[in-house]
């Protein structure tokens, strides 16, 4: 069972005839049960739009939390959630400076703490 989602498209927009390729057995069974293919496909596509938008939103949040930086010619992922697990003795001998990434690092830390 699926929950009805609010439409993410203009339901009043005109309909456009479209050709689709469907599995013949699936089509035959749907027709035998009088399943309205247009309505069913619109619902499925609306659900897919919502799922994709939610996934994109999750990826954007993850990008804020773990920004990608380039240091010494390497692309590196800042693992902000793991900062607190780094032993203090490892922080005594700097290997270099990340000053140029200050804004990205502070934004990631802020996001980790506030979620904003």
PDB file of N, CA and C in Angstrom:
ATOM      1  N   UNK A   1       0.839  -1.168   0.000  1.00  0.00           N
ATOM      2  CA  UNK A   1       0.000   0.000   0.000  1.00  0.00           C
ATOM      3  C   UNK A   1       0.891   1.241   0.000  1.00  0.00           C
ATOM      4  N   UNK A   2       0.532   2.220  -0.818  1.00  0.00           N
ATOM      5  CA  UNK A   2       1.291   3.461  -0.853  1.00  0.00           C
ATOM      6  C   UNK A   2       0.413   4.597  -0.372  1.00  0.00           C
ATOM      7  N   UNK A   3       1.064   5.592   0.199  1.00  0.00           N
ATOM      8  CA  UNK A   3       0.350   6.770   0.648  1.00  0.00           C
ATOM      9  C   UNK A   3       0.220   7.740  -0.502  1.00  0.00           C
ATOM     10  N   UNK A   4      -0.923   8.402  -0.602  1.00  0.00           N
ATOM     11  CA  UNK A   4      -1.118   9.391  -1.651  1.00  0.00           C
ATOM     12  C   UNK A   4      -0.234  10.597  -1.362  1.00  0.00           C
ATOM     13  N   UNK A   5       0.487  11.030  -2.352  1.00  0.00           N
ATOM     14  CA  UNK A   5       1.350  12.196  -2.209  1.00  0.00           C
ATOM     15  C   UNK A   5       0.702  13.366  -2.924  1.00  0.00           C
ATOM     16  N   UNK A   6       0.998  14.550  -2.425  1.00  0.00           N
ATOM     17  CA  UNK A   6       0.528  15.749  -3.098  1.00  0.00           C
ATOM     18  C   UNK A   6       1.163  15.807  -4.477  1.00  0.00           C
ATOM     19  N   UNK A   7       0.386  16.212  -5.455  1.00  0.00           N
ATOM     20  CA  UNK A   7       0.894  16.264  -6.825  1.00  0.00           C
ATOM     21  C   UNK A   7       2.012  17.288  -6.941  1.00  0.00           C
ATOM     22  N   UNK A   8       3.077  16.898  -7.619  1.00  0.00           N
ATOM     23  CA  UNK A   8       4.207  17.796  -7.827  1.00  0.00           C
ATOM     24  C   UNK A   8       4.196  18.351  -9.244  1.00  0.00           C
ATOM     25  N   UNK A   9       3.032  18.329  -9.861  1.00  0.00           N
ATOM     26  CA  UNK A   9       2.882  18.836 -11.222  1.00  0.00           C
ATOM     27  C   UNK A   9       1.512  19.491 -11.343  1.00  0.00           C
ATOM     28  N   UNK A  10       1.311  20.260 -12.387  1.00  0.00           N
ATOM     29  CA  UNK A  10       0.040  20.944 -12.634  1.00  0.00           C
ATOM     30  C   UNK A  10      -0.972  19.934 -13.153  1.00  0.00           C
ATOM     31  N   UNK A  11      -1.901  19.551 -12.298  1.00  0.00           N
ATOM     32  CA  UNK A  11      -2.897  18.545 -12.682  1.00  0.00           C
ATOM     33  C   UNK A  11      -3.904  19.085 -13.692  1.00  0.00           C
ATOM     34  N   UNK A  12      -3.940  20.396 -13.885  1.00  0.00           N
ATOM     35  CA  UNK A  12      -4.857  21.005 -14.843  1.00  0.00           C
ATOM     36  C   UNK A  12      -4.213  21.173 -16.228  1.00  0.00           C
ATOM     37  N   UNK A  13      -2.941  20.872 -16.334  1.00  0.00           N
ATOM     38  CA  UNK A  13      -2.262  20.997 -17.630  1.00  0.00           C
ATOM     39  C   UNK A  13      -2.901  20.032 -18.625  1.00  0.00           C
ATOM     40  N   UNK A  14      -2.904  20.397 -19.901  1.00  0.00           N
ATOM     41  CA  UNK A  14      -3.525  19.507 -20.895  1.00  0.00           C
ATOM     42  C   UNK A  14      -2.784  18.174 -21.000  1.00  0.00           C
ATOM     43  N   UNK A  15      -3.521  17.165 -21.392  1.00  0.00           N
ATOM     44  CA  UNK A  15      -2.952  15.822 -21.598  1.00  0.00           C
ATOM     45  C   UNK A  15      -2.329  15.766 -22.985  1.00  0.00           C
ATOM     46  N   UNK A  16      -1.286  14.983 -23.124  1.00  0.00           N
ATOM     47  CA  UNK A  16      -0.623  14.811 -24.414  1.00  0.00           C
ATOM     48  C   UNK A  16      -0.518  13.324 -24.718  1.00  0.00           C
ATOM     49  N   UNK A  17      -1.022  12.896 -25.868  1.00  0.00           N
ATOM     50  CA  UNK A  17      -0.873  11.478 -26.232  1.00  0.00           C
ATOM     51  C   UNK A  17       0.613  11.123 -26.337  1.00  0.00           C
ATOM     52  N   UNK A  18       0.972   9.977 -25.769  1.00  0.00           N
ATOM     53  CA  UNK A  18       2.360   9.549 -25.725  1.00  0.00           C
ATOM     54  C   UNK A  18       2.446   8.060 -26.022  1.00  0.00           C
ATOM     55  N   UNK A  19       3.443   7.661 -26.766  1.00  0.00           N
ATOM     56  CA  UNK A  19       3.655   6.243 -27.050  1.00  0.00           C
ATOM     57  C   UNK A  19       4.587   5.660 -26.003  1.00  0.00           C
ATOM     58  N   UNK A  20       4.237   4.496 -25.481  1.00  0.00           N
ATOM     59  CA  UNK A  20       5.063   3.799 -24.503  1.00  0.00           C
ATOM     60  C   UNK A  20       5.270   2.360 -24.945  1.00  0.00           C
ATOM     61  N   UNK A  21       6.341   1.781 -24.514  1.00  0.00           N
ATOM     62  CA  UNK A  21       6.560   0.350 -24.736  1.00  0.00           C
ATOM     63  C   UNK A  21       6.387  -0.333 -23.393  1.00  0.00           C
ATOM     64  N   UNK A  22       5.446  -1.274 -23.329  1.00  0.00           N
ATOM     65  CA  UNK A  22       5.161  -1.993 -22.091  1.00  0.00           C
ATOM     66  C   UNK A  22       5.251  -3.492 -22.326  1.00  0.00           C
ATOM     67  N   UNK A  23       5.559  -4.207 -21.277  1.00  0.00           N
ATOM     68  CA  UNK A  23       5.553  -5.656 -21.305  1.00  0.00           C
ATOM     69  C   UNK A  23       4.139  -6.115 -21.681  1.00  0.00           C
ATOM     70  N   UNK A  24       4.030  -6.970 -22.675  1.00  0.00           N
ATOM     71  CA  UNK A  24       2.710  -7.378 -23.171  1.00  0.00           C
ATOM     72  C   UNK A  24       1.882  -8.107 -22.119  1.00  0.00           C
ATOM     73  N   UNK A  25       2.524  -8.939 -21.309  1.00  0.00           N
ATOM     74  CA  UNK A  25       1.787  -9.658 -20.275  1.00  0.00           C
ATOM     75  C   UNK A  25       1.264  -8.692 -19.210  1.00  0.00           C
ATOM     76  N   UNK A  26       2.095  -7.734 -18.831  1.00  0.00           N
ATOM     77  CA  UNK A  26       1.677  -6.723 -17.857  1.00  0.00           C
ATOM     78  C   UNK A  26       0.495  -5.922 -18.398  1.00  0.00           C
ATOM     79  N   UNK A  27       0.590  -5.509 -19.646  1.00  0.00           N
ATOM     80  CA  UNK A  27      -0.487  -4.738 -20.261  1.00  0.00           C
ATOM     81  C   UNK A  27      -1.779  -5.540 -20.307  1.00  0.00           C
ATOM     82  N   UNK A  28      -1.689  -6.796 -20.685  1.00  0.00           N
ATOM     83  CA  UNK A  28      -2.870  -7.658 -20.771  1.00  0.00           C
ATOM     84  C   UNK A  28      -3.536  -7.803 -19.398  1.00  0.00           C
ATOM     85  N   UNK A  29      -2.747  -7.998 -18.355  1.00  0.00           N
ATOM     86  CA  UNK A  29      -3.303  -8.166 -17.005  1.00  0.00           C
ATOM     87  C   UNK A  29      -3.918  -6.867 -16.493  1.00  0.00           C
ATOM     88  N   UNK A  30      -3.303  -5.751 -16.791  1.00  0.00           N
ATOM     89  CA  UNK A  30      -3.864  -4.461 -16.377  1.00  0.00           C
ATOM     90  C   UNK A  30      -5.191  -4.197 -17.080  1.00  0.00           C
ATOM     91  N   UNK A  31      -5.248  -4.482 -18.369  1.00  0.00           N
ATOM     92  CA  UNK A  31      -6.499  -4.283 -19.122  1.00  0.00           C
ATOM     93  C   UNK A  31      -7.596  -5.216 -18.600  1.00  0.00           C
ATOM     94  N   UNK A  32      -7.227  -6.446 -18.236  1.00  0.00           N
ATOM     95  CA  UNK A  32      -8.219  -7.400 -17.723  1.00  0.00           C
ATOM     96  C   UNK A  32      -8.830  -6.910 -16.409  1.00  0.00           C
ATOM     97  N   UNK A  33      -8.048  -6.138 -15.651  1.00  0.00           N
ATOM     98  CA  UNK A  33      -8.537  -5.607 -14.373  1.00  0.00           C
ATOM     99  C   UNK A  33      -9.038  -4.166 -14.502  1.00  0.00           C
ATOM    100  N   UNK A  34      -9.167  -3.695 -15.740  1.00  0.00           N
ATOM    101  CA  UNK A  34      -9.643  -2.330 -16.012  1.00  0.00           C
ATOM    102  C   UNK A  34      -8.822  -1.264 -15.287  1.00  0.00           C
ATOM    103  N   UNK A  35      -7.522  -1.457 -15.247  1.00  0.00           N
ATOM    104  CA  UNK A  35      -6.636  -0.465 -14.624  1.00  0.00           C
ATOM    105  C   UNK A  35      -6.406   0.664 -15.627  1.00  0.00           C
ATOM    106  N   UNK A  36      -6.671   1.879 -15.199  1.00  0.00           N
ATOM    107  CA  UNK A  36      -6.477   3.053 -16.045  1.00  0.00           C
ATOM    108  C   UNK A  36      -4.979   3.338 -16.105  1.00  0.00           C
ATOM    109  N   UNK A  37      -4.379   3.070 -17.252  1.00  0.00           N
ATOM    110  CA  UNK A  37      -2.935   3.202 -17.400  1.00  0.00           C
ATOM    111  C   UNK A  37      -2.477   4.652 -17.256  1.00  0.00           C
ATOM    112  N   UNK A  38      -3.229   5.590 -17.795  1.00  0.00           N
ATOM    113  CA  UNK A  38      -2.832   6.999 -17.712  1.00  0.00           C
ATOM    114  C   UNK A  38      -2.786   7.473 -16.266  1.00  0.00           C
ATOM    115  N   UNK A  39      -3.835   7.172 -15.516  1.00  0.00           N
ATOM    116  CA  UNK A  39      -3.892   7.600 -14.111  1.00  0.00           C
ATOM    117  C   UNK A  39      -2.803   6.904 -13.304  1.00  0.00           C
ATOM    118  N   UNK A  40      -2.643   5.613 -13.535  1.00  0.00           N
ATOM    119  CA  UNK A  40      -1.646   4.838 -12.789  1.00  0.00           C
ATOM    120  C   UNK A  40      -0.232   5.336 -13.084  1.00  0.00           C
ATOM    121  N   UNK A  41       0.053   5.616 -14.353  1.00  0.00           N
ATOM    122  CA  UNK A  41       1.377   6.103 -14.716  1.00  0.00           C
ATOM    123  C   UNK A  41       1.621   7.496 -14.141  1.00  0.00           C
ATOM    124  N   UNK A  42       0.614   8.369 -14.183  1.00  0.00           N
ATOM    125  CA  UNK A  42       0.767   9.696 -13.594  1.00  0.00           C
ATOM    126  C   UNK A  42       1.083   9.595 -12.097  1.00  0.00           C
ATOM    127  N   UNK A  43       0.387   8.710 -11.399  1.00  0.00           N
ATOM    128  CA  UNK A  43       0.648   8.529  -9.969  1.00  0.00           C
ATOM    129  C   UNK A  43       2.064   8.003  -9.740  1.00  0.00           C
ATOM    130  N   UNK A  44       2.471   7.036 -10.531  1.00  0.00           N
ATOM    131  CA  UNK A  44       3.811   6.450 -10.377  1.00  0.00           C
ATOM    132  C   UNK A  44       4.891   7.482 -10.688  1.00  0.00           C
ATOM    133  N   UNK A  45       4.681   8.279 -11.726  1.00  0.00           N
ATOM    134  CA  UNK A  45       5.665   9.308 -12.070  1.00  0.00           C
ATOM    135  C   UNK A  45       5.711  10.405 -11.007  1.00  0.00           C
ATOM    136  N   UNK A  46       4.561  10.761 -10.454  1.00  0.00           N
ATOM    137  CA  UNK A  46       4.529  11.749  -9.376  1.00  0.00           C
ATOM    138  C   UNK A  46       5.298  11.231  -8.161  1.00  0.00           C
ATOM    139  N   UNK A  47       5.092   9.968  -7.814  1.00  0.00           N
ATOM    140  CA  UNK A  47       5.825   9.370  -6.698  1.00  0.00           C
ATOM    141  C   UNK A  47       7.327   9.372  -6.979  1.00  0.00           C
ATOM    142  N   UNK A  48       7.712   9.058  -8.214  1.00  0.00           N
ATOM    143  CA  UNK A  48       9.129   9.034  -8.591  1.00  0.00           C
ATOM    144  C   UNK A  48       9.727  10.431  -8.519  1.00  0.00           C
ATOM    145  N   UNK A  49       8.972  11.452  -8.945  1.00  0.00           N
ATOM    146  CA  UNK A  49       9.433  12.838  -8.830  1.00  0.00           C
ATOM    147  C   UNK A  49       9.711  13.197  -7.378  1.00  0.00           C
ATOM    148  N   UNK A  50       8.776  12.844  -6.494  1.00  0.00           N
ATOM    149  CA  UNK A  50       8.932  13.155  -5.066  1.00  0.00           C
ATOM    150  C   UNK A  50      10.134  12.416  -4.480  1.00  0.00           C
ATOM    151  N   UNK A  51      10.291  11.155  -4.829  1.00  0.00           N
ATOM    152  CA  UNK A  51      11.414  10.345  -4.336  1.00  0.00           C
ATOM    153  C   UNK A  51      12.743  10.921  -4.815  1.00  0.00           C
ATOM    154  N   UNK A  52      12.807  11.305  -6.074  1.00  0.00           N
ATOM    155  CA  UNK A  52      14.033  11.861  -6.646  1.00  0.00           C
ATOM    156  C   UNK A  52      14.361  13.205  -6.014  1.00  0.00           C
ATOM    157  N   UNK A  53      13.343  14.037  -5.806  1.00  0.00           N
ATOM    158  CA  UNK A  53      13.555  15.335  -5.164  1.00  0.00           C
ATOM    159  C   UNK A  53      14.058  15.152  -3.737  1.00  0.00           C
ATOM    160  N   UNK A  54      13.489  14.187  -3.008  1.00  0.00           N
ATOM    161  CA  UNK A  54      13.920  13.919  -1.634  1.00  0.00           C
ATOM    162  C   UNK A  54      15.357  13.418  -1.617  1.00  0.00           C
ATOM    163  N   UNK A  55      15.708  12.559  -2.573  1.00  0.00           N
ATOM    164  CA  UNK A  55      17.075  12.038  -2.659  1.00  0.00           C
ATOM    165  C   UNK A  55      18.054  13.170  -2.960  1.00  0.00           C
ATOM    166  N   UNK A  56      17.668  14.057  -3.876  1.00  0.00           N
ATOM    167  CA  UNK A  56      18.521  15.203  -4.211  1.00  0.00           C
ATOM    168  C   UNK A  56      18.713  16.080  -2.980  1.00  0.00           C
ATOM    169  N   UNK A  57      17.633  16.291  -2.218  1.00  0.00           N
ATOM    170  CA  UNK A  57      17.718  17.106  -1.005  1.00  0.00           C
ATOM    171  C   UNK A  57      18.680  16.458  -0.011  1.00  0.00           C
ATOM    172  N   UNK A  58      18.585  15.131   0.166  1.00  0.00           N
ATOM    173  CA  UNK A  58      19.497  14.417   1.065  1.00  0.00           C
ATOM    174  C   UNK A  58      20.945  14.558   0.608  1.00  0.00           C
ATOM    175  N   UNK A  59      21.178  14.463  -0.705  1.00  0.00           N
ATOM    176  CA  UNK A  59      22.540  14.614  -1.229  1.00  0.00           C
ATOM    177  C   UNK A  59      23.075  16.017  -0.987  1.00  0.00           C
ATOM    178  N   UNK A  60      22.198  17.033  -1.133  1.00  0.00           N
ATOM    179  CA  UNK A  60      22.629  18.406  -0.884  1.00  0.00           C
ATOM    180  C   UNK A  60      23.008  18.593   0.583  1.00  0.00           C
ATOM    181  N   UNK A  61      22.233  17.970   1.493  1.00  0.00           N
ATOM    182  CA  UNK A  61      22.565  18.064   2.915  1.00  0.00           C
ATOM    183  C   UNK A  61      23.897  17.374   3.189  1.00  0.00           C
ATOM    184  N   UNK A  62      24.117  16.219   2.591  1.00  0.00           N
ATOM    185  CA  UNK A  62      25.370  15.490   2.787  1.00  0.00           C
ATOM    186  C   UNK A  62      26.547  16.291   2.241  1.00  0.00           C
ATOM    187  N   UNK A  63      26.347  16.966   1.106  1.00  0.00           N
ATOM    188  CA  UNK A  63      27.410  17.799   0.537  1.00  0.00           C
ATOM    189  C   UNK A  63      27.782  18.939   1.475  1.00  0.00           C
ATOM    190  N   UNK A  64      26.793  19.494   2.190  1.00  0.00           N
ATOM    191  CA  UNK A  64      27.075  20.560   3.158  1.00  0.00           C
ATOM    192  C   UNK A  64      27.882  20.019   4.328  1.00  0.00           C
ATOM    193  N   UNK A  65      27.552  18.815   4.757  1.00  0.00           N
ATOM    194  CA  UNK A  65      28.185  18.224   5.927  1.00  0.00           C
ATOM    195  C   UNK A  65      29.590  17.708   5.624  1.00  0.00           C
ATOM    196  N   UNK A  66      29.803  17.230   4.417  1.00  0.00           N
ATOM    197  CA  UNK A  66      31.098  16.656   4.040  1.00  0.00           C
ATOM    198  C   UNK A  66      31.578  17.287   2.729  1.00  0.00           C
ATOM    199  N   UNK A  67      32.060  18.536   2.797  1.00  0.00           N
ATOM    200  CA  UNK A  67      32.470  19.201   1.557  1.00  0.00           C
ATOM    201  C   UNK A  67      33.709  18.557   0.934  1.00  0.00           C
ATOM    202  N   UNK A  68      33.783  18.657  -0.378  1.00  0.00           N
ATOM    203  CA  UNK A  68      34.939  18.167  -1.129  1.00  0.00           C
ATOM    204  C   UNK A  68      35.910  19.342  -1.276  1.00  0.00           C
ATOM    205  N   UNK A  69      37.173  19.099  -0.954  1.00  0.00           N
ATOM    206  CA  UNK A  69      38.214  20.126  -1.118  1.00  0.00           C
ATOM    207  C   UNK A  69      39.341  19.536  -1.950  1.00  0.00           C
ATOM    208  N   UNK A  70      40.156  20.398  -2.532  1.00  0.00           N
ATOM    209  CA  UNK A  70      41.339  19.924  -3.249  1.00  0.00           C
ATOM    210  C   UNK A  70      42.562  20.465  -2.534  1.00  0.00           C
ATOM    211  N   UNK A  71      43.407  19.559  -2.087  1.00  0.00           N
ATOM    212  CA  UNK A  71      44.595  19.916  -1.322  1.00  0.00           C
ATOM    213  C   UNK A  71      45.776  19.136  -1.875  1.00  0.00           C
ATOM    214  N   UNK A  72      46.842  19.828  -2.159  1.00  0.00           N
ATOM    215  CA  UNK A  72      48.075  19.219  -2.684  1.00  0.00           C
ATOM    216  C   UNK A  72      47.778  18.342  -3.903  1.00  0.00           C
ATOM    217  N   UNK A  73      46.884  18.820  -4.767  1.00  0.00           N
ATOM    218  CA  UNK A  73      46.560  18.099  -5.994  1.00  0.00           C
ATOM    219  C   UNK A  73      45.632  16.913  -5.823  1.00  0.00           C
ATOM    220  N   UNK A  74      45.136  16.692  -4.606  1.00  0.00           N
ATOM    221  CA  UNK A  74      44.222  15.576  -4.354  1.00  0.00           C
ATOM    222  C   UNK A  74      42.845  16.089  -3.968  1.00  0.00           C
ATOM    223  N   UNK A  75      41.806  15.421  -4.448  1.00  0.00           N
ATOM    224  CA  UNK A  75      40.449  15.742  -4.012  1.00  0.00           C
ATOM    225  C   UNK A  75      40.184  14.962  -2.732  1.00  0.00           C
ATOM    226  N   UNK A  76      39.784  15.683  -1.694  1.00  0.00           N
ATOM    227  CA  UNK A  76      39.577  15.079  -0.379  1.00  0.00           C
ATOM    228  C   UNK A  76      38.184  15.416   0.126  1.00  0.00           C
ATOM    229  N   UNK A  77      37.610  14.511   0.873  1.00  0.00           N
ATOM    230  CA  UNK A  77      36.303  14.702   1.484  1.00  0.00           C
ATOM    231  C   UNK A  77      36.516  15.023   2.957  1.00  0.00           C
ATOM    232  N   UNK A  78      36.001  16.160   3.396  1.00  0.00           N
ATOM    233  CA  UNK A  78      36.107  16.538   4.804  1.00  0.00           C
ATOM    234  C   UNK A  78      35.036  15.768   5.572  1.00  0.00           C
ATOM    235  N   UNK A  79      35.450  14.861   6.424  1.00  0.00           N
ATOM    236  CA  UNK A  79      34.516  14.017   7.183  1.00  0.00           C
ATOM    237  C   UNK A  79      34.174  14.697   8.505  1.00  0.00           C
ATOM    238  N   UNK A  80      33.385  15.741   8.419  1.00  0.00           N
ATOM    239  CA  UNK A  80      33.030  16.566   9.570  1.00  0.00           C
ATOM    240  C   UNK A  80      32.498  15.752  10.749  1.00  0.00           C
ATOM    241  N   UNK A  81      31.616  14.768  10.528  1.00  0.00           N
ATOM    242  CA  UNK A  81      31.100  14.023  11.679  1.00  0.00           C
ATOM    243  C   UNK A  81      32.179  13.267  12.458  1.00  0.00           C
ATOM    244  N   UNK A  82      33.335  13.039  11.842  1.00  0.00           N
ATOM    245  CA  UNK A  82      34.389  12.272  12.502  1.00  0.00           C
ATOM    246  C   UNK A  82      35.448  13.152  13.171  1.00  0.00           C
ATOM    247  N   UNK A  83      35.280  14.468  13.107  1.00  0.00           N
ATOM    248  CA  UNK A  83      36.277  15.379  13.678  1.00  0.00           C
ATOM    249  C   UNK A  83      36.508  15.094  15.156  1.00  0.00           C
ATOM    250  N   UNK A  84      35.472  14.854  15.898  1.00  0.00           N
ATOM    251  CA  UNK A  84      35.596  14.636  17.343  1.00  0.00           C
ATOM    252  C   UNK A  84      36.313  13.328  17.683  1.00  0.00           C
ATOM    253  N   UNK A  85      36.466  12.436  16.709  1.00  0.00           N
ATOM    254  CA  UNK A  85      37.099  11.141  16.988  1.00  0.00           C
ATOM    255  C   UNK A  85      38.597  11.134  16.711  1.00  0.00           C
ATOM    256  N   UNK A  86      39.134  12.262  16.236  1.00  0.00           N
ATOM    257  CA  UNK A  86      40.571  12.331  15.944  1.00  0.00           C
ATOM    258  C   UNK A  86      41.322  12.542  17.256  1.00  0.00           C
ATOM    259  N   UNK A  87      42.257  11.646  17.598  1.00  0.00           N
ATOM    260  CA  UNK A  87      43.027  11.808  18.839  1.00  0.00           C
ATOM    261  C   UNK A  87      43.830  13.109  18.830  1.00  0.00           C
ATOM    262  N   UNK A  88      43.856  13.801  19.955  1.00  0.00           N
ATOM    263  CA  UNK A  88      44.526  15.101  20.073  1.00  0.00           C
ATOM    264  C   UNK A  88      46.000  15.024  19.690  1.00  0.00           C
ATOM    265  N   UNK A  89      46.693  13.917  20.013  1.00  0.00           N
ATOM    266  CA  UNK A  89      48.120  13.825  19.706  1.00  0.00           C
ATOM    267  C   UNK A  89      48.383  13.867  18.195  1.00  0.00           C
ATOM    268  N   UNK A  90      47.409  13.492  17.383  1.00  0.00           N
ATOM    269  CA  UNK A  90      47.585  13.559  15.928  1.00  0.00           C
ATOM    270  C   UNK A  90      47.492  14.986  15.406  1.00  0.00           C
ATOM    271  N   UNK A  91      46.990  15.893  16.216  1.00  0.00           N
ATOM    272  CA  UNK A  91      46.801  17.274  15.787  1.00  0.00           C
ATOM    273  C   UNK A  91      47.981  18.175  16.141  1.00  0.00           C
ATOM    274  N   UNK A  92      49.020  17.643  16.731  1.00  0.00           N
ATOM    275  CA  UNK A  92      50.154  18.453  17.210  1.00  0.00           C
ATOM    276  C   UNK A  92      51.135  18.829  16.099  1.00  0.00           C
ATOM    277  N   UNK A  93      51.280  17.983  15.073  1.00  0.00           N
ATOM    278  CA  UNK A  93      52.231  18.247  13.993  1.00  0.00           C
ATOM    279  C   UNK A  93      51.454  18.521  12.702  1.00  0.00           C
ATOM    280  N   UNK A  94      51.226  19.799  12.382  1.00  0.00           N
ATOM    281  CA  UNK A  94      50.479  20.125  11.158  1.00  0.00           C
ATOM    282  C   UNK A  94      51.203  19.625   9.907  1.00  0.00           C
ATOM    283  N   UNK A  95      50.443  19.064   9.004  1.00  0.00           N
ATOM    284  CA  UNK A  95      51.000  18.615   7.727  1.00  0.00           C
ATOM    285  C   UNK A  95      50.891  19.715   6.685  1.00  0.00           C
ATOM    286  N   UNK A  96      50.113  20.735   6.980  1.00  0.00           N
ATOM    287  CA  UNK A  96      49.902  21.842   6.061  1.00  0.00           C
ATOM    288  C   UNK A  96      48.780  22.713   6.583  1.00  0.00           C
ATOM    289  N   UNK A  97      48.350  23.651   5.777  1.00  0.00           N
ATOM    290  CA  UNK A  97      47.289  24.569   6.176  1.00  0.00           C
ATOM    291  C   UNK A  97      46.062  24.390   5.290  1.00  0.00           C
ATOM    292  N   UNK A  98      44.915  24.452   5.933  1.00  0.00           N
ATOM    293  CA  UNK A  98      43.648  24.416   5.202  1.00  0.00           C
ATOM    294  C   UNK A  98      42.948  25.777   5.277  1.00  0.00           C
ATOM    295  N   UNK A  99      43.742  26.819   5.543  1.00  0.00           N
ATOM    296  CA  UNK A  99      43.198  28.170   5.697  1.00  0.00           C
ATOM    297  C   UNK A  99      42.299  28.560   4.523  1.00  0.00           C
ATOM    298  N   UNK A 100      42.673  28.184   3.307  1.00  0.00           N
ATOM    299  CA  UNK A 100      41.886  28.564   2.139  1.00  0.00           C
ATOM    300  C   UNK A 100      40.513  27.889   2.109  1.00  0.00           C
ATOM    301  N   UNK A 101      40.315  26.857   2.949  1.00  0.00           N
ATOM    302  CA  UNK A 101      39.032  26.162   3.029  1.00  0.00           C
ATOM    303  C   UNK A 101      38.272  26.507   4.309  1.00  0.00           C
ATOM    304  N   UNK A 102      38.709  27.559   4.971  1.00  0.00           N
ATOM    305  CA  UNK A 102      38.125  27.952   6.261  1.00  0.00           C
ATOM    306  C   UNK A 102      36.608  28.075   6.190  1.00  0.00           C
ATOM    307  N   UNK A 103      36.100  28.792   5.195  1.00  0.00           N
ATOM    308  CA  UNK A 103      34.648  29.007   5.096  1.00  0.00           C
ATOM    309  C   UNK A 103      33.893  27.690   4.924  1.00  0.00           C
ATOM    310  N   UNK A 104      34.407  26.798   4.064  1.00  0.00           N
ATOM    311  CA  UNK A 104      33.743  25.508   3.835  1.00  0.00           C
ATOM    312  C   UNK A 104      33.745  24.652   5.107  1.00  0.00           C
ATOM    313  N   UNK A 105      34.875  24.658   5.814  1.00  0.00           N
ATOM    314  CA  UNK A 105      34.988  23.848   7.034  1.00  0.00           C
ATOM    315  C   UNK A 105      34.079  24.392   8.130  1.00  0.00           C
ATOM    316  N   UNK A 106      34.065  25.719   8.307  1.00  0.00           N
ATOM    317  CA  UNK A 106      33.189  26.314   9.320  1.00  0.00           C
ATOM    318  C   UNK A 106      31.718  26.064   8.969  1.00  0.00           C
ATOM    319  N   UNK A 107      31.374  26.179   7.692  1.00  0.00           N
ATOM    320  CA  UNK A 107      29.990  25.918   7.272  1.00  0.00           C
ATOM    321  C   UNK A 107      29.596  24.467   7.558  1.00  0.00           C
ATOM    322  N   UNK A 108      30.515  23.533   7.325  1.00  0.00           N
ATOM    323  CA  UNK A 108      30.237  22.115   7.598  1.00  0.00           C
ATOM    324  C   UNK A 108      30.071  21.870   9.094  1.00  0.00           C
ATOM    325  N   UNK A 109      30.935  22.479   9.895  1.00  0.00           N
ATOM    326  CA  UNK A 109      30.820  22.341  11.357  1.00  0.00           C
ATOM    327  C   UNK A 109      29.500  22.948  11.852  1.00  0.00           C
ATOM    328  N   UNK A 110      29.164  24.109  11.318  1.00  0.00           N
ATOM    329  CA  UNK A 110      27.914  24.770  11.686  1.00  0.00           C
ATOM    330  C   UNK A 110      26.727  23.895  11.318  1.00  0.00           C
ATOM    331  N   UNK A 111      26.770  23.301  10.122  1.00  0.00           N
ATOM    332  CA  UNK A 111      25.684  22.414   9.692  1.00  0.00           C
ATOM    333  C   UNK A 111      25.595  21.192  10.592  1.00  0.00           C
ATOM    334  N   UNK A 112      26.749  20.658  11.005  1.00  0.00           N
ATOM    335  CA  UNK A 112      26.761  19.490  11.889  1.00  0.00           C
ATOM    336  C   UNK A 112      26.110  19.798  13.219  1.00  0.00           C
ATOM    337  N   UNK A 113      26.314  21.011  13.713  1.00  0.00           N
ATOM    338  CA  UNK A 113      25.786  21.399  15.024  1.00  0.00           C
ATOM    339  C   UNK A 113      24.328  21.862  14.945  1.00  0.00           C
ATOM    340  N   UNK A 114      24.019  22.680  13.924  1.00  0.00           N
ATOM    341  CA  UNK A 114      22.681  23.301  13.879  1.00  0.00           C
ATOM    342  C   UNK A 114      21.737  22.634  12.892  1.00  0.00           C
ATOM    343  N   UNK A 115      22.278  21.951  11.873  1.00  0.00           N
ATOM    344  CA  UNK A 115      21.423  21.374  10.832  1.00  0.00           C
ATOM    345  C   UNK A 115      20.935  22.408   9.837  1.00  0.00           C
ATOM    346  N   UNK A 116      21.484  23.618   9.924  1.00  0.00           N
ATOM    347  CA  UNK A 116      21.070  24.692   9.005  1.00  0.00           C
ATOM    348  C   UNK A 116      22.177  25.057   8.059  1.00  0.00           C
TER     349      UNK A 116
END
